N, C-alpha and C. Protein backbone atom coordinates (compact mmCIF):
# COMPACT_ATOMS: atom_id res chain seq x y z
N MET A 1 -19.75 27.85 -14.06
CA MET A 1 -19.05 27.76 -12.79
C MET A 1 -19.98 27.32 -11.60
N TRP A 2 -21.10 27.94 -11.70
CA TRP A 2 -22.06 27.57 -10.63
C TRP A 2 -22.65 26.12 -10.69
N LEU A 3 -22.58 25.60 -11.91
CA LEU A 3 -22.94 24.15 -11.95
C LEU A 3 -21.85 23.27 -11.25
N GLY A 4 -20.66 23.67 -11.45
CA GLY A 4 -19.54 22.99 -10.79
C GLY A 4 -19.53 23.11 -9.35
N ILE A 5 -19.94 24.26 -8.71
CA ILE A 5 -20.05 24.40 -7.33
C ILE A 5 -21.37 23.53 -6.80
N TYR A 6 -22.43 23.62 -7.52
CA TYR A 6 -23.67 22.87 -7.12
C TYR A 6 -23.20 21.26 -7.07
N TYR A 7 -22.46 20.94 -8.09
CA TYR A 7 -22.09 19.57 -8.27
C TYR A 7 -21.23 19.07 -7.05
N LEU A 8 -20.18 19.92 -6.75
CA LEU A 8 -19.38 19.45 -5.58
C LEU A 8 -20.08 19.43 -4.32
N TRP A 9 -21.06 20.48 -4.09
CA TRP A 9 -21.87 20.43 -2.85
C TRP A 9 -22.69 19.13 -2.82
N GLY A 10 -23.32 18.77 -3.94
CA GLY A 10 -24.19 17.58 -4.08
C GLY A 10 -23.46 16.24 -3.78
N ILE A 11 -22.33 16.21 -4.50
CA ILE A 11 -21.54 15.01 -4.28
C ILE A 11 -20.99 14.87 -2.95
N ASN A 12 -20.64 15.85 -2.23
CA ASN A 12 -20.12 15.89 -0.90
C ASN A 12 -21.21 15.50 0.12
N ALA A 13 -22.30 16.06 -0.15
CA ALA A 13 -23.60 15.81 0.63
C ALA A 13 -23.91 14.33 0.48
N LEU A 14 -23.99 13.91 -0.66
CA LEU A 14 -24.25 12.42 -0.81
C LEU A 14 -23.08 11.48 -0.05
N THR A 15 -22.01 11.94 -0.35
CA THR A 15 -20.81 11.19 0.44
C THR A 15 -21.01 11.19 1.93
N VAL A 16 -21.36 12.28 2.45
CA VAL A 16 -21.50 12.41 3.95
C VAL A 16 -22.77 11.57 4.38
N GLY A 17 -23.95 11.62 3.63
CA GLY A 17 -24.99 10.80 3.87
C GLY A 17 -24.69 9.39 3.94
N LEU A 18 -24.00 8.88 2.86
CA LEU A 18 -23.68 7.47 2.83
C LEU A 18 -22.79 7.10 3.86
N MET A 19 -21.78 7.93 4.22
CA MET A 19 -20.97 7.45 5.30
C MET A 19 -21.65 7.39 6.53
N GLY A 20 -22.72 8.50 6.86
CA GLY A 20 -23.56 8.33 8.06
C GLY A 20 -24.38 7.23 8.04
N TRP A 21 -25.00 6.77 6.85
CA TRP A 21 -25.83 5.55 6.74
C TRP A 21 -25.00 4.39 7.00
N ASP A 22 -23.92 4.29 6.57
CA ASP A 22 -22.96 3.03 6.58
C ASP A 22 -22.62 2.94 8.19
N LYS A 23 -22.25 4.00 8.86
CA LYS A 23 -22.16 3.82 10.28
C LYS A 23 -23.26 3.36 11.15
N LEU A 24 -24.52 3.94 10.59
CA LEU A 24 -25.76 3.36 11.30
C LEU A 24 -26.02 1.90 11.02
N VAL A 25 -25.82 1.40 9.78
CA VAL A 25 -26.08 0.05 9.54
C VAL A 25 -24.97 -0.84 10.16
N ALA A 26 -23.80 -0.41 10.29
CA ALA A 26 -22.74 -1.13 10.70
C ALA A 26 -22.98 -1.38 12.17
N ARG A 27 -23.49 -0.50 12.92
CA ARG A 27 -23.92 -0.60 14.52
C ARG A 27 -25.03 -1.69 14.62
N ARG A 28 -25.85 -1.73 13.55
CA ARG A 28 -27.07 -2.69 13.67
C ARG A 28 -26.78 -3.95 13.02
N ARG A 29 -25.53 -4.13 12.50
CA ARG A 29 -25.12 -5.43 11.79
C ARG A 29 -26.01 -5.74 10.63
N ARG A 30 -26.26 -4.63 9.85
CA ARG A 30 -26.99 -4.85 8.62
C ARG A 30 -26.18 -4.68 7.42
N ARG A 31 -26.59 -4.90 6.24
CA ARG A 31 -25.89 -4.80 4.84
C ARG A 31 -25.20 -3.33 4.85
N ARG A 32 -24.10 -3.41 4.64
CA ARG A 32 -23.23 -2.15 4.52
C ARG A 32 -23.01 -1.51 3.13
N VAL A 33 -22.67 -0.27 3.13
CA VAL A 33 -22.31 0.33 1.76
C VAL A 33 -20.95 -0.16 1.45
N PRO A 34 -20.71 -0.67 0.37
CA PRO A 34 -19.26 -1.27 -0.01
C PRO A 34 -18.37 0.01 -0.08
N GLU A 35 -17.07 -0.38 0.41
CA GLU A 35 -16.01 0.70 0.40
C GLU A 35 -15.77 1.24 -1.07
N ARG A 36 -15.78 0.28 -1.99
CA ARG A 36 -15.56 0.80 -3.33
C ARG A 36 -16.51 1.77 -3.78
N TRP A 37 -17.81 1.86 -3.25
CA TRP A 37 -18.62 3.05 -3.55
C TRP A 37 -18.26 4.32 -2.95
N LEU A 38 -17.92 4.16 -1.73
CA LEU A 38 -17.24 5.36 -1.07
C LEU A 38 -16.18 6.14 -1.63
N LEU A 39 -15.32 5.00 -2.06
CA LEU A 39 -14.16 5.59 -2.74
C LEU A 39 -14.31 6.08 -4.14
N ARG A 40 -15.38 5.50 -4.86
CA ARG A 40 -15.69 6.16 -6.22
C ARG A 40 -16.27 7.51 -6.14
N LEU A 41 -17.29 7.59 -5.05
CA LEU A 41 -17.69 9.02 -4.81
C LEU A 41 -16.66 10.13 -4.47
N SER A 42 -15.66 9.41 -3.63
CA SER A 42 -14.53 10.35 -3.31
C SER A 42 -13.76 10.92 -4.45
N LEU A 43 -13.53 9.81 -5.55
CA LEU A 43 -12.82 10.04 -6.63
C LEU A 43 -13.80 11.01 -7.58
N LEU A 44 -14.95 11.05 -7.52
CA LEU A 44 -15.87 11.96 -8.41
C LEU A 44 -15.95 13.40 -7.69
N GLY A 45 -15.16 13.53 -6.62
CA GLY A 45 -15.20 15.00 -6.05
C GLY A 45 -15.68 14.97 -4.62
N GLY A 46 -15.92 13.83 -3.95
CA GLY A 46 -16.60 13.74 -2.63
C GLY A 46 -15.57 13.50 -1.67
N SER A 47 -14.28 13.63 -1.91
CA SER A 47 -13.26 13.42 -0.88
C SER A 47 -13.35 14.46 0.38
N PRO A 48 -13.62 15.66 0.17
CA PRO A 48 -13.72 16.42 1.50
C PRO A 48 -14.94 15.92 2.23
N GLY A 49 -16.01 15.51 1.71
CA GLY A 49 -17.15 14.92 2.46
C GLY A 49 -16.76 13.70 3.09
N THR A 50 -16.00 12.69 2.50
CA THR A 50 -15.60 11.59 3.14
C THR A 50 -14.83 11.80 4.26
N LEU A 51 -13.68 12.76 4.11
CA LEU A 51 -12.75 13.02 5.21
C LEU A 51 -13.48 13.79 6.35
N LEU A 52 -14.45 14.57 6.00
CA LEU A 52 -15.19 15.14 7.05
C LEU A 52 -16.05 13.97 7.85
N SER A 53 -16.55 13.31 7.15
CA SER A 53 -17.39 12.06 7.73
C SER A 53 -16.77 11.32 8.58
N ARG A 54 -15.33 10.91 8.20
CA ARG A 54 -14.58 10.06 9.02
C ARG A 54 -14.47 10.72 10.37
N TRP A 55 -14.41 12.00 10.39
CA TRP A 55 -14.13 12.74 11.64
C TRP A 55 -15.43 12.77 12.46
N ILE A 56 -16.56 13.30 11.81
CA ILE A 56 -17.75 13.37 12.41
C ILE A 56 -18.36 12.23 13.00
N PHE A 57 -18.53 11.19 12.23
CA PHE A 57 -18.99 9.90 12.52
C PHE A 57 -17.93 8.92 13.30
N ARG A 58 -16.74 9.26 13.18
CA ARG A 58 -15.67 8.37 13.69
C ARG A 58 -15.77 6.87 13.04
N HIS A 59 -15.85 7.21 11.71
CA HIS A 59 -16.07 5.89 10.84
C HIS A 59 -15.03 5.57 9.96
N LYS A 60 -14.53 4.33 9.67
CA LYS A 60 -13.61 4.00 8.74
C LYS A 60 -12.24 4.53 9.14
N ARG A 61 -12.10 4.45 10.42
CA ARG A 61 -10.90 5.00 10.97
C ARG A 61 -9.52 3.90 11.00
N ARG A 62 -10.01 2.74 11.10
CA ARG A 62 -8.87 1.68 11.34
C ARG A 62 -8.76 0.86 10.02
N LYS A 63 -9.49 1.11 9.05
CA LYS A 63 -9.38 0.43 7.78
C LYS A 63 -8.32 1.06 7.01
N GLN A 64 -7.11 0.52 7.05
CA GLN A 64 -5.97 1.22 6.45
C GLN A 64 -5.96 1.15 4.89
N PRO A 65 -6.40 0.09 4.18
CA PRO A 65 -6.38 0.14 2.75
C PRO A 65 -7.26 1.35 2.45
N PHE A 66 -8.54 1.41 3.04
CA PHE A 66 -9.46 2.49 2.62
C PHE A 66 -8.89 3.88 2.97
N VAL A 67 -8.25 3.95 4.04
CA VAL A 67 -7.62 5.32 4.52
C VAL A 67 -6.52 5.69 3.46
N ARG A 68 -5.64 4.73 3.04
CA ARG A 68 -4.65 5.01 2.16
C ARG A 68 -5.31 5.48 0.80
N TRP A 69 -6.19 4.74 0.27
CA TRP A 69 -6.74 5.10 -1.03
C TRP A 69 -7.34 6.55 -0.83
N LEU A 70 -8.13 6.75 0.16
CA LEU A 70 -8.80 8.06 0.34
C LEU A 70 -7.79 9.28 0.32
N TRP A 71 -6.71 9.10 1.08
CA TRP A 71 -5.66 10.14 1.15
C TRP A 71 -5.03 10.39 -0.23
N ALA A 72 -4.74 9.24 -0.84
CA ALA A 72 -4.27 9.38 -2.26
C ALA A 72 -5.06 9.99 -3.16
N ILE A 73 -6.43 9.85 -3.13
CA ILE A 73 -7.41 10.46 -3.98
C ILE A 73 -7.39 11.93 -3.67
N ALA A 74 -7.55 12.26 -2.35
CA ALA A 74 -7.51 13.50 -1.94
C ALA A 74 -6.36 14.46 -2.22
N ALA A 75 -5.20 13.75 -2.18
CA ALA A 75 -3.90 14.38 -2.51
C ALA A 75 -3.86 14.66 -4.01
N ALA A 76 -4.27 13.66 -4.78
CA ALA A 76 -4.25 13.88 -6.29
C ALA A 76 -5.30 15.13 -6.65
N GLN A 77 -6.42 15.22 -6.05
CA GLN A 77 -7.12 16.25 -6.25
C GLN A 77 -6.84 17.47 -5.93
N ALA A 78 -6.08 17.63 -4.71
CA ALA A 78 -5.59 18.83 -4.25
C ALA A 78 -4.42 19.26 -5.29
N ALA A 79 -3.67 18.40 -5.72
CA ALA A 79 -2.56 18.72 -6.81
C ALA A 79 -3.17 19.21 -8.22
N LEU A 80 -4.34 18.65 -8.37
CA LEU A 80 -4.90 18.97 -9.82
C LEU A 80 -5.78 20.38 -9.62
N LEU A 81 -6.17 20.71 -8.44
CA LEU A 81 -6.73 21.88 -8.12
C LEU A 81 -5.66 23.08 -8.06
N LEU A 82 -4.45 22.82 -7.54
CA LEU A 82 -3.48 23.67 -7.57
C LEU A 82 -2.89 24.00 -9.11
N LEU A 83 -2.91 22.87 -9.82
CA LEU A 83 -2.42 23.12 -11.19
C LEU A 83 -3.46 23.80 -12.03
N ALA A 84 -4.81 23.73 -11.82
CA ALA A 84 -5.78 24.34 -12.39
C ALA A 84 -5.72 25.80 -12.07
N ALA A 85 -5.58 26.05 -10.75
CA ALA A 85 -5.38 27.51 -10.27
C ALA A 85 -4.19 28.05 -10.85
N GLU A 86 -3.02 27.41 -11.18
CA GLU A 86 -1.88 28.06 -11.66
C GLU A 86 -1.86 28.40 -13.14
N TYR A 87 -2.65 27.47 -13.82
CA TYR A 87 -2.56 27.65 -15.22
C TYR A 87 -4.06 28.08 -15.85
N LEU A 88 -4.93 28.27 -15.29
CA LEU A 88 -6.21 28.68 -15.74
C LEU A 88 -6.60 29.92 -15.33
């Protein structure tokens, strides 16, 4: 159980860090972190970190395809969490 908690903390910290880095390099017009990598990290459990980062850094707020995918991932993870809590 602790391994899962450490994993989630780590993946969310990584996601927050990458979102912050992407915001920084976006301002400097340098090479960006691909959206597909941010969505993959969200899919692997980093969606809370991605959602928090959007609010903290005010980043990726107008990118509607990204936002739709992110909310779909977060909703699916929430549904899976509720199912796991119900049946485990």
